Amino acid sequence: MLKHRGFPGRLPGTDFQFVIRRPNPKGVTPLIKRERYRDRKSVDRKADAVFMAALWAHFGNEPFERGNLDAGRLSWLFGREVLPYDDPFDPVSYESLLIINEPVARVSFPEAFEDGEWA
């Protein structure tokens, strides 16, 4: 499992994690498309935006390996702002490649693409 050095570990002041420390001994958590409803808490929406900003700052528009990125946090963006790059895509592999769907991500999280620091 590739560890993305320099990627933020979590949203400061919360328990929302962005990376995992080690592979899951019970098996890889699959990436799924989770529906984001309008009534989500503001802290949940902020976690998504900060995670998207971190992805963009770290990878830009280049393909990237899933590695130690948290499957739960990725699943909130998967299928919309983050897309599979591999064909066929394996949702239960740490080596699967992903890519940011920049046009959709810019509409969903415009603040993630502004210059400035997140925290």
Protein backbone atom coordinates (compact mmCIF):
# COMPACT_ATOMS: atom_id res chain seq x y z
CA MET A 1 0.00 0.00 0.00
CA LEU A 2 1.44 3.32 -1.12
CA LYS A 3 1.57 5.96 1.62
CA HIS A 4 0.99 9.46 0.31
CA ARG A 5 3.66 11.43 2.18
CA GLY A 6 2.68 14.98 3.00
CA PHE A 7 -1.06 14.36 2.61
CA PRO A 8 -3.05 15.68 5.61
CA GLY A 9 -4.09 12.94 8.02
CA ARG A 10 -7.43 14.40 9.08
CA LEU A 11 -9.59 17.49 9.28
CA PRO A 12 -8.12 19.46 12.22
CA GLY A 13 -10.30 19.47 15.31
CA THR A 14 -12.45 16.54 14.16
CA ASP A 15 -12.36 12.76 13.86
CA PHE A 16 -12.71 12.91 10.06
CA GLN A 17 -9.67 11.01 8.81
CA PHE A 18 -8.21 11.38 5.32
CA VAL A 19 -5.60 8.59 5.37
CA ILE A 20 -5.20 5.22 7.03
CA ARG A 21 -2.04 4.06 8.78
CA ARG A 22 -1.93 0.45 7.66
CA PRO A 23 -3.78 -1.97 5.39
CA ASN A 24 -6.96 -3.47 6.79
CA PRO A 25 -6.14 -7.04 7.91
CA LYS A 26 -9.72 -8.13 7.13
CA GLY A 27 -9.45 -6.96 3.51
CA VAL A 28 -9.53 -3.76 1.52
CA THR A 29 -12.60 -1.57 2.05
CA PRO A 30 -14.28 -1.14 -1.34
CA LEU A 31 -14.82 2.28 -2.89
CA ILE A 32 -18.52 2.94 -3.44
CA LYS A 33 -20.51 5.94 -4.59
CA ARG A 34 -22.19 7.47 -1.54
CA GLU A 35 -25.10 9.83 -1.99
CA ARG A 36 -24.60 13.30 -0.48
CA TYR A 37 -27.89 14.66 0.76
CA ARG A 38 -28.64 18.36 1.24
CA ASP A 39 -29.26 17.95 4.99
CA ARG A 40 -25.68 16.85 5.79
CA LYS A 41 -24.04 18.71 8.65
CA SER A 42 -21.82 21.66 7.78
CA VAL A 43 -18.77 19.92 9.29
CA ASP A 44 -19.36 16.95 6.94
CA ARG A 45 -19.50 19.30 3.96
CA LYS A 46 -16.36 21.07 5.16
CA ALA A 47 -14.53 17.73 5.48
CA ASP A 48 -15.44 16.93 1.87
CA ALA A 49 -14.22 20.34 0.68
CA VAL A 50 -10.95 20.18 2.63
CA PHE A 51 -10.33 16.62 1.40
CA MET A 52 -10.99 17.74 -2.20
CA ALA A 53 -8.61 20.68 -1.76
CA ALA A 54 -5.93 18.32 -0.41
CA LEU A 55 -6.42 15.93 -3.35
CA TRP A 56 -6.11 18.81 -5.83
CA ALA A 57 -3.04 20.28 -4.08
CA HIS A 58 -1.35 16.88 -3.89
CA PHE A 59 -2.26 15.34 -7.28
CA GLY A 60 -3.72 18.05 -9.53
CA ASN A 61 -5.15 16.64 -12.74
CA GLU A 62 -2.77 13.64 -12.80
CA PRO A 63 -3.89 10.05 -12.10
CA PHE A 64 -3.07 8.86 -8.58
CA GLU A 65 -2.97 5.59 -6.71
CA ARG A 66 -5.58 5.03 -4.00
CA GLY A 67 -2.89 3.91 -1.57
CA ASN A 68 -3.56 4.90 2.03
CA LEU A 69 -6.38 7.37 1.25
CA ASP A 70 -9.39 6.65 3.45
CA ALA A 71 -12.06 4.67 1.56
CA GLY A 72 -14.92 6.22 3.51
CA ARG A 73 -13.83 9.78 2.71
CA LEU A 74 -13.08 8.90 -0.93
CA SER A 75 -16.50 7.26 -1.29
CA TRP A 76 -18.22 10.62 -0.64
CA LEU A 77 -16.52 11.93 -3.81
CA PHE A 78 -16.25 8.72 -5.84
CA GLY A 79 -18.24 8.56 -9.06
CA ARG A 80 -18.60 12.35 -9.30
CA GLU A 81 -15.52 14.42 -8.37
CA VAL A 82 -13.15 11.44 -8.26
CA LEU A 83 -13.37 8.87 -11.04
CA PRO A 84 -11.72 5.51 -11.77
CA TYR A 85 -8.74 5.81 -14.09
CA ASP A 86 -8.19 2.07 -14.63
CA ASP A 87 -10.28 0.02 -17.00
CA PRO A 88 -11.34 -2.38 -15.57
CA PHE A 89 -11.38 -0.65 -12.18
CA ASP A 90 -10.88 -2.70 -9.02
CA PRO A 91 -12.71 -0.98 -6.11
CA VAL A 92 -10.99 -3.25 -3.56
CA SER A 93 -7.36 -2.60 -4.48
CA TYR A 94 -4.96 -0.16 -2.85
CA GLU A 95 -3.17 0.01 -6.23
CA SER A 96 -6.23 1.22 -8.18
CA LEU A 97 -5.74 4.46 -10.05
CA LEU A 98 -8.10 7.41 -9.66
CA ILE A 99 -8.33 10.84 -11.25
CA ILE A 100 -10.04 14.09 -10.27
CA ASN A 101 -12.96 15.03 -12.52
CA GLU A 102 -11.90 18.68 -12.53
CA PRO A 103 -14.99 20.26 -14.16
CA VAL A 104 -17.38 18.56 -11.73
CA ALA A 105 -15.10 19.12 -8.74
CA ARG A 106 -14.81 22.86 -9.50
CA VAL A 107 -18.61 23.17 -9.52
CA SER A 108 -19.10 21.05 -6.37
CA PHE A 109 -16.22 22.55 -4.37
CA PRO A 110 -15.20 25.93 -5.85
CA GLU A 111 -13.48 26.88 -2.59
CA ALA A 112 -11.13 23.89 -2.94
CA PHE A 113 -9.57 25.45 -6.04
CA GLU A 114 -9.03 28.94 -4.64
CA ASP A 115 -5.58 30.01 -3.56
CA GLY A 116 -5.23 29.86 0.19
CA GLU A 117 -4.75 27.58 3.11
CA TRP A 118 -7.36 25.16 4.41
CA ALA A 119 -7.78 24.15 8.01
